Structure formats: structure tokens, C-alpha cells
Amino acid sequence: MTSVGKYANINAKVRAMKSSLLSEQDIKQLANAENLTAFVSILRQKNYVFSQEHKKLQDASVIEIEISKNRINRIKSVYKTAEGSIKNIVTMFLQKDEAEKAKSVLRQWNAGVDKIVPVYPFKILYDYQLSELLKAKSLEEIAGYFKHTPFGEVISGSVQDFSKDKNMFFVETAIDKDIISRLTGASENLPDKDREIIRRITGIETDLKNILWVRRLKDYYDISPENAVKYILPGGVYFQASEIEDAVVRGRELELITEKRFTPEIRVSHKDEEGIYLLEEILKEALKNQAEKCFKQYPFTIGSIVGFITLLKLEEGMLKRALYTVALKSEKNITENQEL
């Protein structure tokens, strides 16, 4: 089958779904909503579906979950249309969300919370017995609870690193490395152009995660950049471990990005941000541009699918930022009215 035939149906579906993505003007309108009720009303007009009843949608944390659920359900819709090797790739993107869910569960277990609330408290691909997870006394036991997922063996293999100082970061890194490895494996049966598209998109995401992780390990966990780079994720497009280490040690991450590689790809639209937050926004801008490029320039490849999924994830981030802008504004208004 030709690439046109292979991608014809799913490409048509994804292009139709992309038309419902929010514009910059939509995001501004949402951020300027008078309150959470108005925020939800605007989203309903933009084809967002809410499973919770109206009174529960007065809580920003509930709305946040609904936003994530909308994104993941759209990816599942693409999954249902996909076939063969394409379906395998879409599955891996759902498993990336499962990985984030698993990591949030592990962090909460390690913190000794009374109740675990995953970052995505709804089923994506796997069910979790969270009440049973709380009873676990060791990471070995936790690995057993994850045996029905791809993460069980990974967690089990991370026990030794975790036992040194009970730092869940090393387990999380192992999970991310496993996801990258399996996504690379799933793309092996695709044409060269498709593999390159996946490598570019996931590579920029990896660059983003690597730089932010190494910096945060230095700033918040008192782990030196020299030691932190040992846990660099493979597959980055722009940066080698030695470059990241040097940039973090010298405090020149932003200079490295804006001057060496990213200038042609970014818009200077984040001048009010500072430090590592500015760095994060610049890398997200580069990722967005790459996703748009994949979608527009490579219609009958994996580009339209991966580009759409990436744009969905970026939209989710912008929506949540707008959501909490409105939530804070609403809290301030309530406080001021009470004082009056």
C-alpha cells in the first residue's frame, strides 16, 4: 500500500479534528473569563465535553481533570481509526500519559500520603488498585502492583538505585528511558521519513525534559550537574549530555538555546518570563513550531498524527494556565467581596 493509501483515512480524521484546536485568541478569551462558570461555558462552545455535573465544575481541580480527559479521549479516537504500525505509535503516546500517571502514583506513595490521587484519575489503558498500592511497604511490592503494565519490570529494575536515598527521581528516569526505547522500537517498521518525524518531535521533548531536570536537580535536590547528567534521557535532537552539564554549571542555559540553535524556530514572545521559566517557554515554542511543520508539510506521513497529538498536549498546558489565571482572579474577587 502506498503512503497515500495507508494514511488517507486517518489523515482526513486528524485534519478534521485539528480544526477544533483552540486559537491564540480562544486562549486569551478563556484567560479573561469572568469566573470558572464562564470558562467552562466557553470551552463547551469549543466542543469540549464535560462528564461532571455543573456544581462540580466550580472547582478548578475538577475542570483541570476534565481538560486532560478531553485530550486523551481525542487521542483514543485517533487510536480507533489507526491500523498496524500506526496504531502501535498512537498506543505509545497513550503510554506516555500512562507513564506520567504511574510516576505521580509513585511519588505520592513515597511521600506517605493517606490517599493517592493520580495526575490522571481516570482510566487511560490500565486499571490501578490504588488502595492496595498504599499498603505496599517496599518498592519491590509496588513493582508487583504494576506487573500488568509495561512499568512493572522497570520499577523492579530500579530498586537498587532507589534504596540508596529513597529518591523517586531515579525510578521516574528509568520509566522515561523505557518509554523512549519502546517508542523507538515501535517506529522501526515505519518508512524513513516517518521515523525521522518521530525522532524530531520526541527529541525536542527530550531536550526540554533533560535541561529542566538537570537544572532542578541542581537547584532543589542538591545533586551536582556532573552527577545529574548520568540520568540524561537518550534521543535528544539538539543537546548532548556534556553541553547540558556545561550550560547548567555556568548558568547559561538560555544563552545556549537562543544563540546556538533555536533562534530560527522561536518567536520572541516570552520577554516577561525569567530564568528557567523563560527557557521552558522557548523550548515549548520550538516544539509547537516543529509540530505545525510536521502537520503542514508531511500530510501523508505519521507527521499529521504526531503533530496533532503534540499540539493537543501543548493546548492542554495553555488551557490549564488560563484556568488557574481565572481561578486566582475569582478567589481574589470573592475575598474582596467578603471584606466589603
Protein backbone atom coordinates (compact mmCIF):
# COMPACT_ATOMS: atom_id res chain seq x y z
CA MET A 1 0.00 0.00 0.00
CA THR A 2 1.28 3.48 -0.85
CA SER A 3 1.79 6.10 1.86
CA VAL A 4 -1.22 8.00 0.47
CA GLY A 5 -3.43 4.93 0.78
CA LYS A 6 -2.02 4.00 4.17
CA TYR A 7 -2.67 7.40 5.70
CA ALA A 8 -5.73 8.57 3.72
CA ASN A 9 -8.49 7.78 6.23
CA ILE A 10 -6.64 8.66 9.40
CA ASN A 11 -5.17 11.79 7.84
CA ALA A 12 -8.68 13.02 6.95
CA LYS A 13 -9.88 12.32 10.50
CA VAL A 14 -6.93 14.04 12.15
CA ARG A 15 -7.20 17.10 9.90
CA ALA A 16 -10.87 17.43 10.78
CA MET A 17 -10.02 17.14 14.48
CA LYS A 18 -7.23 19.71 14.18
CA SER A 19 -9.77 22.29 13.04
CA SER A 20 -11.23 22.19 16.56
CA LEU A 21 -7.93 23.11 18.25
CA LEU A 22 -8.11 26.42 20.07
CA SER A 23 -6.59 29.55 18.58
CA GLU A 24 -4.43 32.06 20.48
CA GLN A 25 -7.49 34.31 20.58
CA ASP A 26 -9.52 31.49 22.16
CA ILE A 27 -6.90 31.05 24.87
CA LYS A 28 -6.89 34.79 25.60
CA GLN A 29 -10.69 34.77 25.80
CA LEU A 30 -10.58 31.90 28.28
CA ALA A 31 -7.90 33.57 30.41
CA ASN A 32 -10.09 36.68 30.55
CA ALA A 33 -13.22 34.77 31.57
CA GLU A 34 -15.04 36.40 34.48
CA ASN A 35 -15.20 33.20 36.52
CA LEU A 36 -14.98 29.41 36.27
CA THR A 37 -18.58 29.10 35.08
CA ALA A 38 -17.83 31.40 32.16
CA PHE A 39 -14.58 29.48 31.49
CA VAL A 40 -16.46 26.18 31.22
CA SER A 41 -19.17 27.78 29.07
CA ILE A 42 -16.58 29.00 26.56
CA LEU A 43 -14.97 25.58 26.41
CA ARG A 44 -18.33 23.91 25.78
CA GLN A 45 -18.76 26.21 22.78
CA LYS A 46 -15.38 24.94 21.54
CA ASN A 47 -16.55 21.30 21.53
CA TYR A 48 -15.12 20.36 24.92
CA VAL A 49 -17.18 17.71 26.69
CA PHE A 50 -17.56 17.63 30.47
CA SER A 51 -18.56 14.44 32.27
CA GLN A 52 -19.00 16.09 35.68
CA GLU A 53 -22.21 17.80 36.77
CA HIS A 54 -22.40 21.58 36.78
CA LYS A 55 -21.86 22.19 40.51
CA LYS A 56 -18.59 20.21 40.49
CA LEU A 57 -17.31 22.39 37.69
CA GLN A 58 -16.94 25.26 40.17
CA ASP A 59 -13.69 23.61 41.29
CA ALA A 60 -10.58 24.35 39.21
CA SER A 61 -9.03 20.95 40.03
CA VAL A 62 -12.11 19.18 38.62
CA ILE A 63 -12.01 21.29 35.45
CA GLU A 64 -8.30 20.52 35.09
CA ILE A 65 -9.04 16.79 35.09
CA GLU A 66 -11.79 17.29 32.51
CA ILE A 67 -9.38 19.17 30.24
CA SER A 68 -6.92 16.26 30.39
CA LYS A 69 -9.71 13.77 29.79
CA ASN A 70 -10.77 15.63 26.64
CA ARG A 71 -7.23 15.49 25.25
CA ILE A 72 -6.76 11.80 25.99
CA ASN A 73 -10.18 10.90 24.59
CA ARG A 74 -9.25 12.64 21.33
CA ILE A 75 -6.07 10.57 21.13
CA LYS A 76 -8.16 7.44 21.78
CA SER A 77 -10.40 8.46 18.89
CA VAL A 78 -7.32 8.58 16.63
CA TYR A 79 -6.26 5.20 18.04
CA LYS A 80 -9.57 3.61 16.99
CA THR A 81 -9.04 4.72 13.38
CA ALA A 82 -5.36 3.73 13.21
CA GLU A 83 -4.16 0.34 12.00
CA GLY A 84 -0.99 -1.72 12.16
CA SER A 85 2.26 0.11 12.87
CA ILE A 86 0.45 3.46 13.06
CA LYS A 87 -1.77 2.09 15.83
CA ASN A 88 1.35 0.98 17.70
CA ILE A 89 2.72 4.53 17.59
CA VAL A 90 -0.54 6.05 18.86
CA THR A 91 -0.54 3.43 21.65
CA MET A 92 2.92 4.59 22.69
CA PHE A 93 1.71 8.18 23.01
CA LEU A 94 -1.08 6.95 25.29
CA GLN A 95 1.53 5.02 27.23
CA LYS A 96 3.47 8.27 27.70
CA ASP A 97 0.42 9.55 29.59
CA GLU A 98 0.26 6.28 31.50
CA ALA A 99 3.90 6.83 32.45
CA GLU A 100 3.10 10.27 33.88
CA LYS A 101 0.20 8.73 35.80
CA ALA A 102 2.42 5.95 37.16
CA LYS A 103 5.11 8.43 38.21
CA SER A 104 2.58 10.57 40.07
CA VAL A 105 1.39 7.46 41.93
CA LEU A 106 4.96 6.50 42.84
CA ARG A 107 5.77 9.99 44.13
CA GLN A 108 2.70 10.04 46.36
CA TRP A 109 3.38 6.55 47.71
CA ASN A 110 6.95 7.58 48.52
CA ALA A 111 5.67 10.71 50.28
CA GLY A 112 3.45 8.57 52.51
CA VAL A 113 0.13 10.22 51.66
CA ASP A 114 -3.14 8.90 53.09
CA LYS A 115 -4.83 8.85 49.69
CA ILE A 116 -3.29 8.60 46.23
CA VAL A 117 -4.73 10.90 43.57
CA PRO A 118 -3.03 10.27 40.21
CA VAL A 119 -2.32 13.10 37.81
CA TYR A 120 -4.94 11.48 35.56
CA PRO A 121 -7.54 9.98 37.96
CA PHE A 122 -9.35 8.06 35.22
CA LYS A 123 -8.55 5.01 33.11
CA ILE A 124 -6.30 5.52 30.10
CA LEU A 125 -5.14 1.99 29.28
CA TYR A 126 -4.70 0.26 32.66
CA ASP A 127 -6.57 -0.04 35.93
CA TYR A 128 -4.80 0.56 39.25
CA GLN A 129 -5.81 -0.70 42.69
CA LEU A 130 -4.74 2.46 44.50
CA SER A 131 -5.97 1.36 47.92
CA GLU A 132 -3.77 -1.73 47.61
CA LEU A 133 -0.81 0.35 46.45
CA LEU A 134 -0.96 2.34 49.68
CA LYS A 135 -0.36 -0.84 51.68
CA ALA A 136 2.94 -1.56 49.93
CA LYS A 137 5.94 -1.46 52.27
CA SER A 138 8.66 -1.50 49.62
CA LEU A 139 9.33 -0.62 46.01
CA GLU A 140 9.53 -4.35 45.28
CA GLU A 141 5.91 -4.68 46.36
CA ILE A 142 4.98 -1.66 44.25
CA ALA A 143 6.56 -3.32 41.21
CA GLY A 144 4.20 -6.25 41.76
CA TYR A 145 1.16 -3.97 41.65
CA PHE A 146 2.36 -2.66 38.27
CA LYS A 147 3.03 -6.10 36.76
CA HIS A 148 0.01 -5.78 34.43
CA THR A 149 1.62 -2.69 32.86
CA PRO A 150 4.92 -2.16 30.99
CA PHE A 151 6.26 -0.38 34.10
CA GLY A 152 6.43 -3.34 36.49
CA GLU A 153 9.79 -4.63 35.27
CA VAL A 154 11.20 -1.11 35.01
CA ILE A 155 10.27 -0.33 38.62
CA SER A 156 11.70 -3.65 39.76
CA GLY A 157 14.96 -2.88 37.97
CA SER A 158 15.19 0.49 39.76
CA VAL A 159 15.03 -0.87 43.31
CA GLN A 160 18.79 -0.67 43.89
CA ASP A 161 19.09 2.98 42.82
CA PHE A 162 16.02 3.90 44.87
CA SER A 163 17.28 2.14 48.00
CA LYS A 164 20.31 4.47 48.26
CA ASP A 165 18.43 7.61 49.33
CA LYS A 166 14.74 6.86 48.61
CA ASN A 167 14.74 9.39 45.76
CA MET A 168 11.96 8.54 43.29
CA PHE A 169 13.63 10.65 40.60
CA PHE A 170 15.80 7.72 39.53
CA VAL A 171 12.77 5.46 39.13
CA GLU A 172 10.99 8.13 37.10
CA THR A 173 14.03 8.47 34.84
CA ALA A 174 14.05 4.71 34.24
CA ILE A 175 10.37 4.82 33.24
CA ASP A 176 11.03 7.66 30.79
CA LYS A 177 14.01 5.84 29.27
CA ASP A 178 11.84 2.76 28.80
CA ILE A 179 9.13 4.79 27.03
CA ILE A 180 11.70 6.33 24.67
CA SER A 181 13.20 2.91 23.94
CA ARG A 182 9.84 1.32 23.17
CA LEU A 183 8.69 4.28 21.06
CA THR A 184 11.90 3.98 19.05
CA GLY A 185 11.28 0.26 18.66
CA ALA A 186 7.68 0.83 17.56
CA SER A 187 8.87 3.20 14.83
CA GLU A 188 11.37 0.74 13.35
CA ASN A 189 8.82 -0.68 10.90
CA LEU A 190 7.86 2.76 9.59
CA PRO A 191 9.27 4.45 6.46
CA ASP A 192 12.41 6.58 6.91
CA LYS A 193 10.50 9.88 6.76
CA ASP A 194 8.09 8.71 9.47
CA ARG A 195 10.93 7.64 11.75
CA GLU A 196 12.65 11.00 11.30
CA ILE A 197 9.44 12.89 12.14
CA ILE A 198 9.00 10.91 15.37
CA ARG A 199 12.67 11.40 16.22
CA ARG A 200 12.38 15.18 15.79
CA ILE A 201 9.21 15.61 17.83
CA THR A 202 10.17 13.30 20.68
CA GLY A 203 13.75 14.60 20.57
CA ILE A 204 12.72 18.19 21.29
CA GLU A 205 10.51 16.94 24.13
CA THR A 206 13.53 15.05 25.47
CA ASP A 207 15.76 18.13 25.22
CA LEU A 208 13.18 20.09 27.18
CA LYS A 209 12.91 17.48 29.91
CA ASN A 210 16.67 16.96 30.17
CA ILE A 211 17.59 20.61 30.62
CA LEU A 212 14.81 21.26 33.12
CA TRP A 213 15.57 18.12 35.12
CA VAL A 214 19.30 18.76 35.39
CA ARG A 215 18.69 22.34 36.47
CA ARG A 216 16.07 21.36 39.06
CA LEU A 217 18.24 18.58 40.43
CA LYS A 218 20.96 21.17 40.94
CA ASP A 219 18.66 23.81 42.47
CA TYR A 220 16.28 21.71 44.57
CA TYR A 221 17.88 18.33 45.26
CA ASP A 222 21.50 19.37 45.80
CA ILE A 223 22.63 16.93 43.11
CA SER A 224 25.54 18.28 41.08
CA PRO A 225 25.14 18.69 37.31
CA GLU A 226 28.05 16.26 36.91
CA ASN A 227 26.03 13.54 38.65
CA ALA A 228 22.67 14.60 37.25
CA VAL A 229 23.77 14.18 33.63
CA LYS A 230 24.26 10.47 34.28
CA TYR A 231 20.48 10.26 34.09
CA ILE A 232 20.09 12.21 30.85
CA LEU A 233 17.41 10.71 28.64
CA PRO A 234 18.59 9.45 25.24
CA GLY A 235 17.33 10.73 21.91
CA GLY A 236 17.57 14.50 22.27
CA VAL A 237 17.77 16.39 18.98
CA TYR A 238 19.84 19.41 19.94
CA PHE A 239 21.90 18.77 23.06
CA GLN A 240 24.48 16.26 24.24
CA ALA A 241 24.89 15.49 27.95
CA SER A 242 28.19 17.38 28.12
CA GLU A 243 26.57 20.54 26.70
CA ILE A 244 23.72 20.42 29.21
CA GLU A 245 26.15 19.90 32.08
CA ASP A 246 28.31 22.84 30.97
CA ALA A 247 25.29 25.12 30.47
CA VAL A 248 23.83 24.34 33.90
CA VAL A 249 27.16 24.65 35.72
CA ARG A 250 27.76 28.06 34.14
CA GLY A 251 24.14 29.17 34.43
CA ARG A 252 23.94 29.87 30.70
CA GLU A 253 21.16 27.56 29.50
CA LEU A 254 19.21 30.38 27.87
CA GLU A 255 22.26 31.66 26.02
CA LEU A 256 22.99 28.18 24.72
CA ILE A 257 19.48 27.79 23.33
CA THR A 258 18.79 31.22 21.88
CA GLU A 259 22.20 31.77 20.30
CA LYS A 260 23.24 28.32 19.16
CA ARG A 261 20.24 26.52 17.80
CA PHE A 262 16.73 27.72 18.47
CA THR A 263 16.71 31.30 17.16
CA PRO A 264 15.28 30.42 13.70
CA GLU A 265 12.42 28.46 15.25
CA ILE A 266 11.09 30.68 18.00
CA ARG A 267 9.15 33.89 18.31
CA VAL A 268 10.33 36.33 20.95
CA SER A 269 7.04 36.33 22.82
CA HIS A 270 8.12 35.43 26.33
CA LYS A 271 10.08 38.52 27.37
CA ASP A 272 8.21 38.80 30.67
CA GLU A 273 9.34 35.37 31.79
CA GLU A 274 12.59 34.89 33.67
CA GLY A 275 15.25 32.25 34.16
CA ILE A 276 14.33 28.62 33.77
CA TYR A 277 10.67 29.53 33.10
CA LEU A 278 11.74 31.52 30.06
CA LEU A 279 13.84 28.56 28.96
CA GLU A 280 10.85 26.26 29.26
CA GLU A 281 8.60 28.57 27.22
CA ILE A 282 11.18 28.89 24.45
CA LEU A 283 11.53 25.13 24.15
CA LYS A 284 7.74 24.71 24.08
CA GLU A 285 7.59 27.29 21.30
CA ALA A 286 10.16 25.30 19.32
CA LEU A 287 8.13 22.12 19.89
CA LYS A 288 4.95 23.82 18.70
CA ASN A 289 6.66 25.07 15.54
CA GLN A 290 8.02 21.59 14.82
CA ALA A 291 4.57 20.04 15.32
CA GLU A 292 2.96 22.58 12.97
CA LYS A 293 5.68 21.92 10.40
CA CYS A 294 5.08 18.16 10.58
CA PHE A 295 1.36 18.63 10.17
CA LYS A 296 1.52 21.03 7.24
CA GLN A 297 4.50 19.72 5.26
CA TYR A 298 4.05 15.96 5.60
CA PRO A 299 0.32 15.20 5.19
CA PHE A 300 0.59 11.55 4.11
CA THR A 301 3.09 10.51 6.76
CA ILE A 302 2.99 9.99 10.51
CA GLY A 303 3.58 13.76 10.70
CA SER A 304 -0.09 14.74 10.73
CA ILE A 305 -0.81 12.29 13.56
CA VAL A 306 2.22 13.04 15.74
CA GLY A 307 1.89 16.75 15.03
CA PHE A 308 -1.76 16.72 16.10
CA ILE A 309 -1.07 14.77 19.32
CA THR A 310 1.75 17.17 20.20
CA LEU A 311 -0.41 20.24 19.56
CA LEU A 312 -3.13 18.71 21.76
CA LYS A 313 -0.64 18.37 24.62
CA LEU A 314 0.54 21.95 24.22
CA GLU A 315 -3.07 23.16 24.13
CA GLU A 316 -3.75 21.32 27.38
CA GLY A 317 -0.87 23.17 29.04
CA MET A 318 -2.09 26.56 27.83
CA LEU A 319 -5.64 25.77 28.93
CA LYS A 320 -4.55 24.85 32.43
CA ARG A 321 -2.53 28.02 32.69
CA ALA A 322 -5.59 30.05 31.63
CA LEU A 323 -7.75 28.05 34.04
CA TYR A 324 -5.67 28.95 37.07
CA THR A 325 -5.47 32.56 35.98
CA VAL A 326 -9.27 32.65 36.15
CA ALA A 327 -9.36 30.67 39.40
CA LEU A 328 -6.98 33.08 41.15
CA LYS A 329 -8.97 36.04 39.85
CA SER A 330 -12.20 34.50 41.15
CA GLU A 331 -10.66 33.87 44.59
CA LYS A 332 -9.48 37.47 44.74
CA ASN A 333 -12.96 38.76 43.84
CA ILE A 334 -14.59 36.56 46.49
CA THR A 335 -12.14 37.78 49.14
CA GLU A 336 -12.70 41.41 48.24
CA ASN A 337 -16.49 40.98 48.36
CA GLN A 338 -16.26 39.33 51.76
CA GLU A 339 -14.19 42.21 53.07
CA LEU A 340 -16.81 44.65 51.86
